[in-house]
Amino acid sequence: MPYAVQALRIRRRRYNAATGHWSTVTVYAITSLTAAQASPADVADWLRGHWAIEVLHHVRDTTYREDASRLRTGNASRALATLRNTAISLLRLDGVTSIAPALRRNGRDPYRSLRLLGLV
């Protein structure tokens, strides 16, 4: 890569609560920023911020099956993504940690969704 200035290797350990085991994950990144422009703390903050975005994409894909959507033209896919992000954000603001069960629970009682929006 002609503009690559720094290459990074990030190793982190993560715990899988389902299996009870630890695993090591290695992530590689390349940046065009020099060490003076991006300190290790800056890069770590940016990577954490990136994972926050990836978590949202993961929730949208696993819960709403967004990658299986057949909408490809116009603004429909963007509009649906906005509505999904709004629903996830409202649930998170309400203290929900697991989105799928909360969606099922709200689907059984339409007034719950209206309460989240402050309409009831």
PDB file of N, CA and C in Angstrom:
ATOM      1  N   MET A   1       0.840  -1.174   0.000  1.00  0.00           N
ATOM      2  CA  MET A   1       0.000   0.000   0.000  1.00  0.00           C
ATOM      3  C   MET A   1       0.889   1.241   0.000  1.00  0.00           C
ATOM      4  N   PRO A   2       0.706   2.123  -0.944  1.00  0.00           N
ATOM      5  CA  PRO A   2       1.606   3.267  -1.048  1.00  0.00           C
ATOM      6  C   PRO A   2       1.464   4.282   0.078  1.00  0.00           C
ATOM      7  N   TYR A   3       0.314   4.348   0.745  1.00  0.00           N
ATOM      8  CA  TYR A   3       0.111   5.362   1.765  1.00  0.00           C
ATOM      9  C   TYR A   3       0.164   4.796   3.177  1.00  0.00           C
ATOM     10  N   ALA A   4       0.504   3.549   3.320  1.00  0.00           N
ATOM     11  CA  ALA A   4       0.574   2.941   4.644  1.00  0.00           C
ATOM     12  C   ALA A   4       1.803   3.467   5.389  1.00  0.00           C
ATOM     13  N   VAL A   5       1.575   3.997   6.574  1.00  0.00           N
ATOM     14  CA  VAL A   5       2.665   4.532   7.381  1.00  0.00           C
ATOM     15  C   VAL A   5       2.883   3.655   8.614  1.00  0.00           C
ATOM     16  N   GLN A   6       1.794   3.215   9.222  1.00  0.00           N
ATOM     17  CA  GLN A   6       1.886   2.363  10.400  1.00  0.00           C
ATOM     18  C   GLN A   6       1.093   1.087  10.176  1.00  0.00           C
ATOM     19  N   ALA A   7       1.641  -0.003  10.640  1.00  0.00           N
ATOM     20  CA  ALA A   7       0.918  -1.270  10.659  1.00  0.00           C
ATOM     21  C   ALA A   7       0.793  -1.674  12.124  1.00  0.00           C
ATOM     22  N   LEU A   8      -0.367  -2.160  12.478  1.00  0.00           N
ATOM     23  CA  LEU A   8      -0.638  -2.477  13.873  1.00  0.00           C
ATOM     24  C   LEU A   8      -1.070  -3.922  14.027  1.00  0.00           C
ATOM     25  N   ARG A   9      -0.666  -4.514  15.132  1.00  0.00           N
ATOM     26  CA  ARG A   9      -1.182  -5.826  15.501  1.00  0.00           C
ATOM     27  C   ARG A   9      -1.758  -5.679  16.902  1.00  0.00           C
ATOM     28  N   ILE A  10      -3.036  -5.959  17.019  1.00  0.00           N
ATOM     29  CA  ILE A  10      -3.709  -5.853  18.304  1.00  0.00           C
ATOM     30  C   ILE A  10      -4.122  -7.250  18.727  1.00  0.00           C
ATOM     31  N   ARG A  11      -3.659  -7.654  19.884  1.00  0.00           N
ATOM     32  CA  ARG A  11      -4.031  -8.959  20.430  1.00  0.00           C
ATOM     33  C   ARG A  11      -4.864  -8.725  21.665  1.00  0.00           C
ATOM     34  N   ARG A  12      -5.984  -9.390  21.727  1.00  0.00           N
ATOM     35  CA  ARG A  12      -6.823  -9.262  22.918  1.00  0.00           C
ATOM     36  C   ARG A  12      -7.405 -10.618  23.272  1.00  0.00           C
ATOM     37  N   ARG A  13      -7.653 -10.744  24.553  1.00  0.00           N
ATOM     38  CA  ARG A  13      -8.267 -11.980  25.042  1.00  0.00           C
ATOM     39  C   ARG A  13      -9.733 -11.710  25.261  1.00  0.00           C
ATOM     40  N   ARG A  14     -10.533 -12.698  24.944  1.00  0.00           N
ATOM     41  CA  ARG A  14     -11.969 -12.563  25.196  1.00  0.00           C
ATOM     42  C   ARG A  14     -12.489 -13.851  25.827  1.00  0.00           C
ATOM     43  N   TYR A  15     -13.507 -13.675  26.636  1.00  0.00           N
ATOM     44  CA  TYR A  15     -14.098 -14.783  27.370  1.00  0.00           C
ATOM     45  C   TYR A  15     -15.431 -15.141  26.736  1.00  0.00           C
ATOM     46  N   ASN A  16     -15.616 -16.406  26.422  1.00  0.00           N
ATOM     47  CA  ASN A  16     -16.866 -16.892  25.863  1.00  0.00           C
ATOM     48  C   ASN A  16     -17.678 -17.478  27.023  1.00  0.00           C
ATOM     49  N   ALA A  17     -18.716 -16.760  27.420  1.00  0.00           N
ATOM     50  CA  ALA A  17     -19.519 -17.193  28.566  1.00  0.00           C
ATOM     51  C   ALA A  17     -20.245 -18.495  28.283  1.00  0.00           C
ATOM     52  N   ALA A  18     -20.570 -18.775  27.027  1.00  0.00           N
ATOM     53  CA  ALA A  18     -21.293 -20.001  26.683  1.00  0.00           C
ATOM     54  C   ALA A  18     -20.421 -21.239  26.888  1.00  0.00           C
ATOM     55  N   THR A  19     -19.134 -21.136  26.541  1.00  0.00           N
ATOM     56  CA  THR A  19     -18.244 -22.299  26.659  1.00  0.00           C
ATOM     57  C   THR A  19     -17.401 -22.261  27.925  1.00  0.00           C
ATOM     58  N   GLY A  20     -17.251 -21.066  28.512  1.00  0.00           N
ATOM     59  CA  GLY A  20     -16.412 -20.939  29.697  1.00  0.00           C
ATOM     60  C   GLY A  20     -14.934 -20.894  29.381  1.00  0.00           C
ATOM     61  N   HIS A  21     -14.579 -20.643  28.116  1.00  0.00           N
ATOM     62  CA  HIS A  21     -13.172 -20.632  27.703  1.00  0.00           C
ATOM     63  C   HIS A  21     -12.739 -19.241  27.249  1.00  0.00           C
ATOM     64  N   TRP A  22     -11.436 -19.009  27.394  1.00  0.00           N
ATOM     65  CA  TRP A  22     -10.823 -17.786  26.898  1.00  0.00           C
ATOM     66  C   TRP A  22     -10.218 -18.061  25.532  1.00  0.00           C
ATOM     67  N   SER A  23     -10.231 -17.065  24.676  1.00  0.00           N
ATOM     68  CA  SER A  23      -9.556 -17.192  23.392  1.00  0.00           C
ATOM     69  C   SER A  23      -8.805 -15.895  23.115  1.00  0.00           C
ATOM     70  N   THR A  24      -7.797 -15.994  22.267  1.00  0.00           N
ATOM     71  CA  THR A  24      -7.018 -14.829  21.881  1.00  0.00           C
ATOM     72  C   THR A  24      -7.372 -14.474  20.453  1.00  0.00           C
ATOM     73  N   VAL A  25      -7.648 -13.204  20.240  1.00  0.00           N
ATOM     74  CA  VAL A  25      -8.005 -12.709  18.916  1.00  0.00           C
ATOM     75  C   VAL A  25      -6.928 -11.710  18.498  1.00  0.00           C
ATOM     76  N   THR A  26      -6.435 -11.858  17.286  1.00  0.00           N
ATOM     77  CA  THR A  26      -5.450 -10.932  16.744  1.00  0.00           C
ATOM     78  C   THR A  26      -6.081 -10.171  15.592  1.00  0.00           C
ATOM     79  N   VAL A  27      -5.965  -8.852  15.641  1.00  0.00           N
ATOM     80  CA  VAL A  27      -6.511  -7.975  14.605  1.00  0.00           C
ATOM     81  C   VAL A  27      -5.366  -7.157  14.044  1.00  0.00           C
ATOM     82  N   TYR A  28      -5.323  -7.038  12.732  1.00  0.00           N
ATOM     83  CA  TYR A  28      -4.303  -6.232  12.068  1.00  0.00           C
ATOM     84  C   TYR A  28      -4.959  -4.996  11.470  1.00  0.00           C
ATOM     85  N   ALA A  29      -4.255  -3.871  11.524  1.00  0.00           N
ATOM     86  CA  ALA A  29      -4.770  -2.627  10.962  1.00  0.00           C
ATOM     87  C   ALA A  29      -3.625  -1.869  10.303  1.00  0.00           C
ATOM     88  N   ILE A  30      -3.964  -1.072   9.324  1.00  0.00           N
ATOM     89  CA  ILE A  30      -2.998  -0.232   8.625  1.00  0.00           C
ATOM     90  C   ILE A  30      -3.553   1.184   8.617  1.00  0.00           C
ATOM     91  N   THR A  31      -2.687   2.160   8.854  1.00  0.00           N
ATOM     92  CA  THR A  31      -3.115   3.553   8.828  1.00  0.00           C
ATOM     93  C   THR A  31      -2.114   4.400   8.063  1.00  0.00           C
ATOM     94  N   SER A  32      -2.603   5.491   7.510  1.00  0.00           N
ATOM     95  CA  SER A  32      -1.725   6.432   6.812  1.00  0.00           C
ATOM     96  C   SER A  32      -1.222   7.515   7.754  1.00  0.00           C
ATOM     97  N   LEU A  33      -1.620   7.480   9.012  1.00  0.00           N
ATOM     98  CA  LEU A  33      -1.187   8.485   9.988  1.00  0.00           C
ATOM     99  C   LEU A  33       0.156   8.107  10.585  1.00  0.00           C
ATOM    100  N   THR A  34       0.983   9.120  10.825  1.00  0.00           N
ATOM    101  CA  THR A  34       2.275   8.878  11.459  1.00  0.00           C
ATOM    102  C   THR A  34       2.071   8.686  12.959  1.00  0.00           C
ATOM    103  N   ALA A  35       3.134   8.267  13.638  1.00  0.00           N
ATOM    104  CA  ALA A  35       3.056   8.086  15.083  1.00  0.00           C
ATOM    105  C   ALA A  35       2.824   9.418  15.787  1.00  0.00           C
ATOM    106  N   ALA A  36       3.298  10.517  15.197  1.00  0.00           N
ATOM    107  CA  ALA A  36       3.066  11.840  15.787  1.00  0.00           C
ATOM    108  C   ALA A  36       1.601  12.257  15.623  1.00  0.00           C
ATOM    109  N   GLN A  37       0.964  11.827  14.541  1.00  0.00           N
ATOM    110  CA  GLN A  37      -0.436  12.177  14.300  1.00  0.00           C
ATOM    111  C   GLN A  37      -1.393  11.289  15.070  1.00  0.00           C
ATOM    112  N   ALA A  38      -1.008  10.072  15.331  1.00  0.00           N
ATOM    113  CA  ALA A  38      -1.883   9.103  15.992  1.00  0.00           C
ATOM    114  C   ALA A  38      -1.083   8.330  17.030  1.00  0.00           C
ATOM    115  N   SER A  39      -1.262   8.696  18.272  1.00  0.00           N
ATOM    116  CA  SER A  39      -0.579   7.982  19.353  1.00  0.00           C
ATOM    117  C   SER A  39      -1.249   6.620  19.550  1.00  0.00           C
ATOM    118  N   PRO A  40      -0.598   5.709  20.250  1.00  0.00           N
ATOM    119  CA  PRO A  40      -1.238   4.413  20.525  1.00  0.00           C
ATOM    120  C   PRO A  40      -2.596   4.557  21.223  1.00  0.00           C
ATOM    121  N   ALA A  41      -2.712   5.539  22.112  1.00  0.00           N
ATOM    122  CA  ALA A  41      -3.996   5.758  22.801  1.00  0.00           C
ATOM    123  C   ALA A  41      -5.062   6.222  21.817  1.00  0.00           C
ATOM    124  N   ASP A  42      -4.684   7.089  20.867  1.00  0.00           N
ATOM    125  CA  ASP A  42      -5.630   7.541  19.841  1.00  0.00           C
ATOM    126  C   ASP A  42      -6.120   6.376  18.995  1.00  0.00           C
ATOM    127  N   VAL A  43      -5.187   5.559  18.559  1.00  0.00           N
ATOM    128  CA  VAL A  43      -5.545   4.413  17.713  1.00  0.00           C
ATOM    129  C   VAL A  43      -6.453   3.457  18.483  1.00  0.00           C
ATOM    130  N   ALA A  44      -6.144   3.221  19.752  1.00  0.00           N
ATOM    131  CA  ALA A  44      -6.987   2.334  20.572  1.00  0.00           C
ATOM    132  C   ALA A  44      -8.397   2.899  20.693  1.00  0.00           C
ATOM    133  N   ASP A  45      -8.521   4.213  20.892  1.00  0.00           N
ATOM    134  CA  ASP A  45      -9.846   4.829  20.978  1.00  0.00           C
ATOM    135  C   ASP A  45     -10.613   4.677  19.672  1.00  0.00           C
ATOM    136  N   TRP A  46      -9.933   4.881  18.545  1.00  0.00           N
ATOM    137  CA  TRP A  46     -10.603   4.758  17.251  1.00  0.00           C
ATOM    138  C   TRP A  46     -11.072   3.335  17.006  1.00  0.00           C
ATOM    139  N   LEU A  47     -10.238   2.365  17.390  1.00  0.00           N
ATOM    140  CA  LEU A  47     -10.626   0.968  17.197  1.00  0.00           C
ATOM    141  C   LEU A  47     -11.805   0.590  18.088  1.00  0.00           C
ATOM    142  N   ARG A  48     -11.823   1.092  19.313  1.00  0.00           N
ATOM    143  CA  ARG A  48     -12.976   0.828  20.186  1.00  0.00           C
ATOM    144  C   ARG A  48     -14.240   1.442  19.598  1.00  0.00           C
ATOM    145  N   GLY A  49     -14.119   2.639  19.061  1.00  0.00           N
ATOM    146  CA  GLY A  49     -15.259   3.285  18.419  1.00  0.00           C
ATOM    147  C   GLY A  49     -15.743   2.503  17.214  1.00  0.00           C
ATOM    148  N   HIS A  50     -14.804   1.934  16.468  1.00  0.00           N
ATOM    149  CA  HIS A  50     -15.173   1.123  15.309  1.00  0.00           C
ATOM    150  C   HIS A  50     -15.958  -0.102  15.755  1.00  0.00           C
ATOM    151  N   TRP A  51     -15.550  -0.730  16.858  1.00  0.00           N
ATOM    152  CA  TRP A  51     -16.271  -1.912  17.336  1.00  0.00           C
ATOM    153  C   TRP A  51     -17.669  -1.557  17.805  1.00  0.00           C
ATOM    154  N   ALA A  52     -17.859  -0.354  18.318  1.00  0.00           N
ATOM    155  CA  ALA A  52     -19.213   0.068  18.708  1.00  0.00           C
ATOM    156  C   ALA A  52     -20.121   0.108  17.482  1.00  0.00           C
ATOM    157  N   ILE A  53     -19.583   0.552  16.349  1.00  0.00           N
ATOM    158  CA  ILE A  53     -20.355   0.565  15.107  1.00  0.00           C
ATOM    159  C   ILE A  53     -20.602  -0.867  14.640  1.00  0.00           C
ATOM    160  N   GLU A  54     -19.592  -1.712  14.717  1.00  0.00           N
ATOM    161  CA  GLU A  54     -19.732  -3.097  14.269  1.00  0.00           C
ATOM    162  C   GLU A  54     -20.769  -3.849  15.099  1.00  0.00           C
ATOM    163  N   VAL A  55     -20.858  -3.545  16.376  1.00  0.00           N
ATOM    164  CA  VAL A  55     -21.855  -4.200  17.233  1.00  0.00           C
ATOM    165  C   VAL A  55     -23.251  -3.881  16.724  1.00  0.00           C
ATOM    166  N   LEU A  56     -23.483  -2.629  16.353  1.00  0.00           N
ATOM    167  CA  LEU A  56     -24.792  -2.238  15.822  1.00  0.00           C
ATOM    168  C   LEU A  56     -25.086  -2.999  14.531  1.00  0.00           C
ATOM    169  N   HIS A  57     -24.097  -3.105  13.649  1.00  0.00           N
ATOM    170  CA  HIS A  57     -24.294  -3.862  12.407  1.00  0.00           C
ATOM    171  C   HIS A  57     -24.578  -5.327  12.706  1.00  0.00           C
ATOM    172  N   HIS A  58     -23.879  -5.876  13.692  1.00  0.00           N
ATOM    173  CA  HIS A  58     -24.083  -7.280  14.059  1.00  0.00           C
ATOM    174  C   HIS A  58     -25.506  -7.496  14.578  1.00  0.00           C
ATOM    175  N   VAL A  59     -25.977  -6.598  15.431  1.00  0.00           N
ATOM    176  CA  VAL A  59     -27.346  -6.721  15.957  1.00  0.00           C
ATOM    177  C   VAL A  59     -28.350  -6.618  14.822  1.00  0.00           C
ATOM    178  N   ARG A  60     -28.144  -5.653  13.922  1.00  0.00           N
ATOM    179  CA  ARG A  60     -29.089  -5.499  12.812  1.00  0.00           C
ATOM    180  C   ARG A  60     -29.081  -6.730  11.915  1.00  0.00           C
ATOM    181  N   ASP A  61     -27.915  -7.321  11.699  1.00  0.00           N
ATOM    182  CA  ASP A  61     -27.863  -8.478  10.814  1.00  0.00           C
ATOM    183  C   ASP A  61     -28.441  -9.722  11.476  1.00  0.00           C
ATOM    184  N   THR A  62     -28.097  -9.974  12.729  1.00  0.00           N
ATOM    185  CA  THR A  62     -28.573 -11.209  13.365  1.00  0.00           C
ATOM    186  C   THR A  62     -30.026 -11.118  13.799  1.00  0.00           C
ATOM    187  N   THR A  63     -30.458  -9.955  14.258  1.00  0.00           N
ATOM    188  CA  THR A  63     -31.827  -9.821  14.749  1.00  0.00           C
ATOM    189  C   THR A  63     -32.815  -9.551  13.632  1.00  0.00           C
ATOM    190  N   TYR A  64     -32.457  -8.658  12.739  1.00  0.00           N
ATOM    191  CA  TYR A  64     -33.364  -8.274  11.661  1.00  0.00           C
ATOM    192  C   TYR A  64     -33.053  -8.965  10.331  1.00  0.00           C
ATOM    193  N   ARG A  65     -31.990  -9.782  10.299  1.00  0.00           N
ATOM    194  CA  ARG A  65     -31.572 -10.480   9.066  1.00  0.00           C
ATOM    195  C   ARG A  65     -31.385  -9.478   7.924  1.00  0.00           C
ATOM    196  N   GLU A  66     -30.718  -8.375   8.228  1.00  0.00           N
ATOM    197  CA  GLU A  66     -30.568  -7.291   7.270  1.00  0.00           C
ATOM    198  C   GLU A  66     -29.797  -7.701   6.016  1.00  0.00           C
ATOM    199  N   ASP A  67     -28.793  -8.543   6.160  1.00  0.00           N
ATOM    200  CA  ASP A  67     -28.021  -8.958   4.985  1.00  0.00           C
ATOM    201  C   ASP A  67     -28.852  -9.803   4.026  1.00  0.00           C
ATOM    202  N   ALA A  68     -29.923 -10.409   4.510  1.00  0.00           N
ATOM    203  CA  ALA A  68     -30.783 -11.221   3.651  1.00  0.00           C
ATOM    204  C   ALA A  68     -31.862 -10.393   2.965  1.00  0.00           C
ATOM    205  N   SER A  69     -31.898  -9.102   3.260  1.00  0.00           N
ATOM    206  CA  SER A  69     -32.919  -8.237   2.671  1.00  0.00           C
ATOM    207  C   SER A  69     -32.759  -8.175   1.158  1.00  0.00           C
ATOM    208  N   ARG A  70     -33.871  -8.100   0.458  1.00  0.00           N
ATOM    209  CA  ARG A  70     -33.835  -8.044  -1.002  1.00  0.00           C
ATOM    210  C   ARG A  70     -34.014  -6.619  -1.515  1.00  0.00           C
ATOM    211  N   LEU A  71     -34.114  -5.664  -0.588  1.00  0.00           N
ATOM    212  CA  LEU A  71     -34.212  -4.262  -0.995  1.00  0.00           C
ATOM    213  C   LEU A  71     -32.843  -3.774  -1.426  1.00  0.00           C
ATOM    214  N   ARG A  72     -32.730  -3.327  -2.658  1.00  0.00           N
ATOM    215  CA  ARG A  72     -31.434  -2.888  -3.162  1.00  0.00           C
ATOM    216  C   ARG A  72     -31.488  -1.538  -3.865  1.00  0.00           C
ATOM    217  N   THR A  73     -32.673  -1.044  -4.190  1.00  0.00           N
ATOM    218  CA  THR A  73     -32.767   0.181  -4.973  1.00  0.00           C
ATOM    219  C   THR A  73     -33.447   1.284  -4.180  1.00  0.00           C
ATOM    220  N   GLY A  74     -33.210   2.507  -4.615  1.00  0.00           N
ATOM    221  CA  GLY A  74     -33.856   3.640  -3.978  1.00  0.00           C
ATOM    222  C   GLY A  74     -33.397   3.836  -2.547  1.00  0.00           C
ATOM    223  N   ASN A  75     -34.254   4.453  -1.765  1.00  0.00           N
ATOM    224  CA  ASN A  75     -33.922   4.776  -0.375  1.00  0.00           C
ATOM    225  C   ASN A  75     -34.540   3.816   0.631  1.00  0.00           C
ATOM    226  N   ALA A  76     -35.196   2.773   0.157  1.00  0.00           N
ATOM    227  CA  ALA A  76     -35.895   1.863   1.072  1.00  0.00           C
ATOM    228  C   ALA A  76     -34.939   1.200   2.058  1.00  0.00           C
ATOM    229  N   SER A  77     -33.796   0.721   1.597  1.00  0.00           N
ATOM    230  CA  SER A  77     -32.870   0.030   2.512  1.00  0.00           C
ATOM    231  C   SER A  77     -32.310   1.006   3.543  1.00  0.00           C
ATOM    232  N   ARG A  78     -32.032   2.243   3.130  1.00  0.00           N
ATOM    233  CA  ARG A  78     -31.535   3.249   4.068  1.00  0.00           C
ATOM    234  C   ARG A  78     -32.618   3.618   5.083  1.00  0.00           C
ATOM    235  N   ALA A  79     -33.850   3.740   4.627  1.00  0.00           N
ATOM    236  CA  ALA A  79     -34.948   4.079   5.529  1.00  0.00           C
ATOM    237  C   ALA A  79     -35.168   2.966   6.555  1.00  0.00           C
ATOM    238  N   LEU A  80     -35.120   1.715   6.099  1.00  0.00           N
ATOM    239  CA  LEU A  80     -35.289   0.597   7.037  1.00  0.00           C
ATOM    240  C   LEU A  80     -34.144   0.541   8.036  1.00  0.00           C
ATOM    241  N   ALA A  81     -32.916   0.791   7.586  1.00  0.00           N
ATOM    242  CA  ALA A  81     -31.772   0.803   8.504  1.00  0.00           C
ATOM    243  C   ALA A  81     -31.955   1.888   9.557  1.00  0.00           C
ATOM    244  N   THR A  82     -32.470   3.036   9.156  1.00  0.00           N
ATOM    245  CA  THR A  82     -32.722   4.128  10.106  1.00  0.00           C
ATOM    246  C   THR A  82     -33.773   3.728  11.128  1.00  0.00           C
ATOM    247  N   LEU A  83     -34.841   3.098  10.670  1.00  0.00           N
ATOM    248  CA  LEU A  83     -35.882   2.652  11.597  1.00  0.00           C
ATOM    249  C   LEU A  83     -35.357   1.579  12.550  1.00  0.00           C
ATOM    250  N   ARG A  84     -34.555   0.678  12.029  1.00  0.00           N
ATOM    251  CA  ARG A  84     -33.975  -0.364  12.891  1.00  0.00           C
ATOM    252  C   ARG A  84     -33.039   0.255  13.918  1.00  0.00           C
ATOM    253  N   ASN A  85     -32.190   1.189  13.497  1.00  0.00           N
ATOM    254  CA  ASN A  85     -31.294   1.864  14.441  1.00  0.00           C
ATOM    255  C   ASN A  85     -32.085   2.599  15.508  1.00  0.00           C
ATOM    256  N   THR A  86     -33.188   3.232  15.120  1.00  0.00           N
ATOM    257  CA  THR A  86     -34.027   3.946  16.084  1.00  0.00           C
ATOM    258  C   THR A  86     -34.624   2.977  17.097  1.00  0.00           C
ATOM    259  N   ALA A  87     -35.127   1.844  16.614  1.00  0.00           N
ATOM    260  CA  ALA A  87     -35.708   0.850  17.527  1.00  0.00           C
ATOM    261  C   ALA A  87     -34.654   0.323  18.498  1.00  0.00           C
ATOM    262  N   ILE A  88     -33.471   0.015  17.996  1.00  0.00           N
ATOM    263  CA  ILE A  88     -32.395  -0.490  18.856  1.00  0.00           C
ATOM    264  C   ILE A  88     -31.995   0.569  19.879  1.00  0.00           C
ATOM    265  N   SER A  89     -31.869   1.812  19.430  1.00  0.00           N
ATOM    266  CA  SER A  89     -31.477   2.895  20.343  1.00  0.00           C
ATOM    267  C   SER A  89     -32.520   3.125  21.426  1.00  0.00           C
ATOM    268  N   LEU A  90     -33.796   3.114  21.060  1.00  0.00           N
ATOM    269  CA  LEU A  90     -34.845   3.295  22.058  1.00  0.00           C
ATOM    270  C   LEU A  90     -34.823   2.173  23.092  1.00  0.00           C
ATOM    271  N   LEU A  91     -34.607   0.952  22.640  1.00  0.00           N
ATOM    272  CA  LEU A  91     -34.541  -0.166  23.579  1.00  0.00           C
ATOM    273  C   LEU A  91     -33.323  -0.043  24.492  1.00  0.00           C
ATOM    274  N   ARG A  92     -32.188   0.347  23.915  1.00  0.00           N
ATOM    275  CA  ARG A  92     -30.978   0.524  24.734  1.00  0.00           C
ATOM    276  C   ARG A  92     -31.180   1.630  25.778  1.00  0.00           C
ATOM    277  N   LEU A  93     -31.816   2.737  25.358  1.00  0.00           N
ATOM    278  CA  LEU A  93     -32.089   3.821  26.306  1.00  0.00           C
ATOM    279  C   LEU A  93     -33.032   3.379  27.417  1.00  0.00           C
ATOM    280  N   ASP A  94     -33.860   2.393  27.116  1.00  0.00           N
ATOM    281  CA  ASP A  94     -34.790   1.859  28.112  1.00  0.00           C
ATOM    282  C   ASP A  94     -34.124   0.819  29.013  1.00  0.00           C
ATOM    283  N   GLY A  95     -32.838   0.540  28.784  1.00  0.00           N
ATOM    284  CA  GLY A  95     -32.097  -0.387  29.631  1.00  0.00           C
ATOM    285  C   GLY A  95     -32.055  -1.816  29.131  1.00  0.00           C
ATOM    286  N   VAL A  96     -32.513  -2.060  27.915  1.00  0.00           N
ATOM    287  CA  VAL A  96     -32.522  -3.411  27.354  1.00  0.00           C
ATOM    288  C   VAL A  96     -31.100  -3.799  26.952  1.00  0.00           C
ATOM    289  N   THR A  97     -30.674  -4.987  27.334  1.00  0.00           N
ATOM    290  CA  THR A  97     -29.346  -5.464  26.946  1.00  0.00           C
ATOM    291  C   THR A  97     -29.410  -6.496  25.836  1.00  0.00           C
ATOM    292  N   SER A  98     -30.527  -7.181  25.696  1.00  0.00           N
ATOM    293  CA  SER A  98     -30.687  -8.178  24.643  1.00  0.00           C
ATOM    294  C   SER A  98     -31.859  -7.758  23.757  1.00  0.00           C
ATOM    295  N   ILE A  99     -31.553  -7.424  22.518  1.00  0.00           N
ATOM    296  CA  ILE A  99     -32.534  -6.816  21.625  1.00  0.00           C
ATOM    297  C   ILE A  99     -33.602  -7.805  21.157  1.00  0.00           C
ATOM    298  N   ALA A 100     -33.227  -8.995  20.752  1.00  0.00           N
ATOM    299  CA  ALA A 100     -34.191  -9.942  20.173  1.00  0.00           C
ATOM    300  C   ALA A 100     -35.333 -10.271  21.132  1.00  0.00           C
ATOM    301  N   PRO A 101     -35.065 -10.635  22.384  1.00  0.00           N
ATOM    302  CA  PRO A 101     -36.192 -10.904  23.294  1.00  0.00           C
ATOM    303  C   PRO A 101     -37.060  -9.669  23.533  1.00  0.00           C
ATOM    304  N   ALA A 102     -36.435  -8.495  23.568  1.00  0.00           N
ATOM    305  CA  ALA A 102     -37.204  -7.269  23.770  1.00  0.00           C
ATOM    306  C   ALA A 102     -38.121  -7.009  22.576  1.00  0.00           C
ATOM    307  N   LEU A 103     -37.653  -7.285  21.363  1.00  0.00           N
ATOM    308  CA  LEU A 103     -38.499  -7.112  20.184  1.00  0.00           C
ATOM    309  C   LEU A 103     -39.678  -8.075  20.220  1.00  0.00           C
ATOM    310  N   ARG A 104     -39.421  -9.306  20.631  1.00  0.00           N
ATOM    311  CA  ARG A 104     -40.525 -10.272  20.736  1.00  0.00           C
ATOM    312  C   ARG A 104     -41.530  -9.831  21.791  1.00  0.00           C
ATOM    313  N   ARG A 105     -41.024  -9.369  22.931  1.00  0.00           N
ATOM    314  CA  ARG A 105     -41.897  -8.909  24.010  1.00  0.00           C
ATOM    315  C   ARG A 105     -42.726  -7.703  23.555  1.00  0.00           C
ATOM    316  N   ASN A 106     -42.104  -6.765  22.869  1.00  0.00           N
ATOM    317  CA  ASN A 106     -42.829  -5.593  22.377  1.00  0.00           C
ATOM    318  C   ASN A 106     -43.794  -5.968  21.260  1.00  0.00           C
ATOM    319  N   GLY A 107     -43.500  -6.989  20.499  1.00  0.00           N
ATOM    320  CA  GLY A 107     -44.400  -7.429  19.440  1.00  0.00           C
ATOM    321  C   GLY A 107     -45.695  -8.008  19.990  1.00  0.00           C
ATOM    322  N   ARG A 108     -45.629  -8.553  21.195  1.00  0.00           N
ATOM    323  CA  ARG A 108     -46.837  -9.118  21.816  1.00  0.00           C
ATOM    324  C   ARG A 108     -47.721  -8.043  22.442  1.00  0.00           C
ATOM    325  N   ASP A 109     -47.144  -6.881  22.731  1.00  0.00           N
ATOM    326  CA  ASP A 109     -47.898  -5.801  23.367  1.00  0.00           C
ATOM    327  C   ASP A 109     -47.577  -4.489  22.653  1.00  0.00           C
ATOM    328  N   PRO A 110     -48.431  -4.059  21.735  1.00  0.00           N
ATOM    329  CA  PRO A 110     -48.121  -2.855  20.952  1.00  0.00           C
ATOM    330  C   PRO A 110     -48.010  -1.592  21.804  1.00  0.00           C
ATOM    331  N   TYR A 111     -48.607  -1.584  22.981  1.00  0.00           N
ATOM    332  CA  TYR A 111     -48.531  -0.397  23.828  1.00  0.00           C
ATOM    333  C   TYR A 111     -47.133  -0.189  24.406  1.00  0.00           C
ATOM    334  N   ARG A 112     -46.345  -1.260  24.504  1.00  0.00           N
ATOM    335  CA  ARG A 112     -44.963  -1.106  24.980  1.00  0.00           C
ATOM    336  C   ARG A 112     -44.163  -0.215  24.033  1.00  0.00           C
ATOM    337  N   SER A 113     -44.319  -0.448  22.742  1.00  0.00           N
ATOM    338  CA  SER A 113     -43.598   0.368  21.763  1.00  0.00           C
ATOM    339  C   SER A 113     -44.053   1.823  21.830  1.00  0.00           C
ATOM    340  N   LEU A 114     -45.340   2.032  21.999  1.00  0.00           N
ATOM    341  CA  LEU A 114     -45.848   3.398  22.104  1.00  0.00           C
ATOM    342  C   LEU A 114     -45.321   4.086  23.364  1.00  0.00           C
ATOM    343  N   ARG A 115     -45.178   3.310  24.449  1.00  0.00           N
ATOM    344  CA  ARG A 115     -44.611   3.881  25.680  1.00  0.00           C
ATOM    345  C   ARG A 115     -43.147   4.264  25.473  1.00  0.00           C
ATOM    346  N   LEU A 116     -42.390   3.435  24.734  1.00  0.00           N
ATOM    347  CA  LEU A 116     -40.993   3.768  24.444  1.00  0.00           C
ATOM    348  C   LEU A 116     -40.878   5.094  23.699  1.00  0.00           C
ATOM    349  N   LEU A 117     -41.850   5.344  22.835  1.00  0.00           N
ATOM    350  CA  LEU A 117     -41.851   6.586  22.060  1.00  0.00           C
ATOM    351  C   LEU A 117     -42.457   7.750  22.824  1.00  0.00           C
ATOM    352  N   GLY A 118     -42.988   7.478  24.023  1.00  0.00           N
ATOM    353  CA  GLY A 118     -43.595   8.514  24.834  1.00  0.00           C
ATOM    354  C   GLY A 118     -44.968   8.943  24.332  1.00  0.00           C
ATOM    355  N   LEU A 119     -45.638   8.057  23.608  1.00  0.00           N
ATOM    356  CA  LEU A 119     -46.949   8.396  23.040  1.00  0.00           C
ATOM    357  C   LEU A 119     -48.113   7.926  23.886  1.00  0.00           C
ATOM    358  N   VAL A 120     -47.868   7.134  24.892  1.00  0.00           N
ATOM    359  CA  VAL A 120     -48.936   6.639  25.764  1.00  0.00           C
ATOM    360  C   VAL A 120     -48.563   6.938  27.197  1.00  0.00           C
TER     361      VAL A 120
END
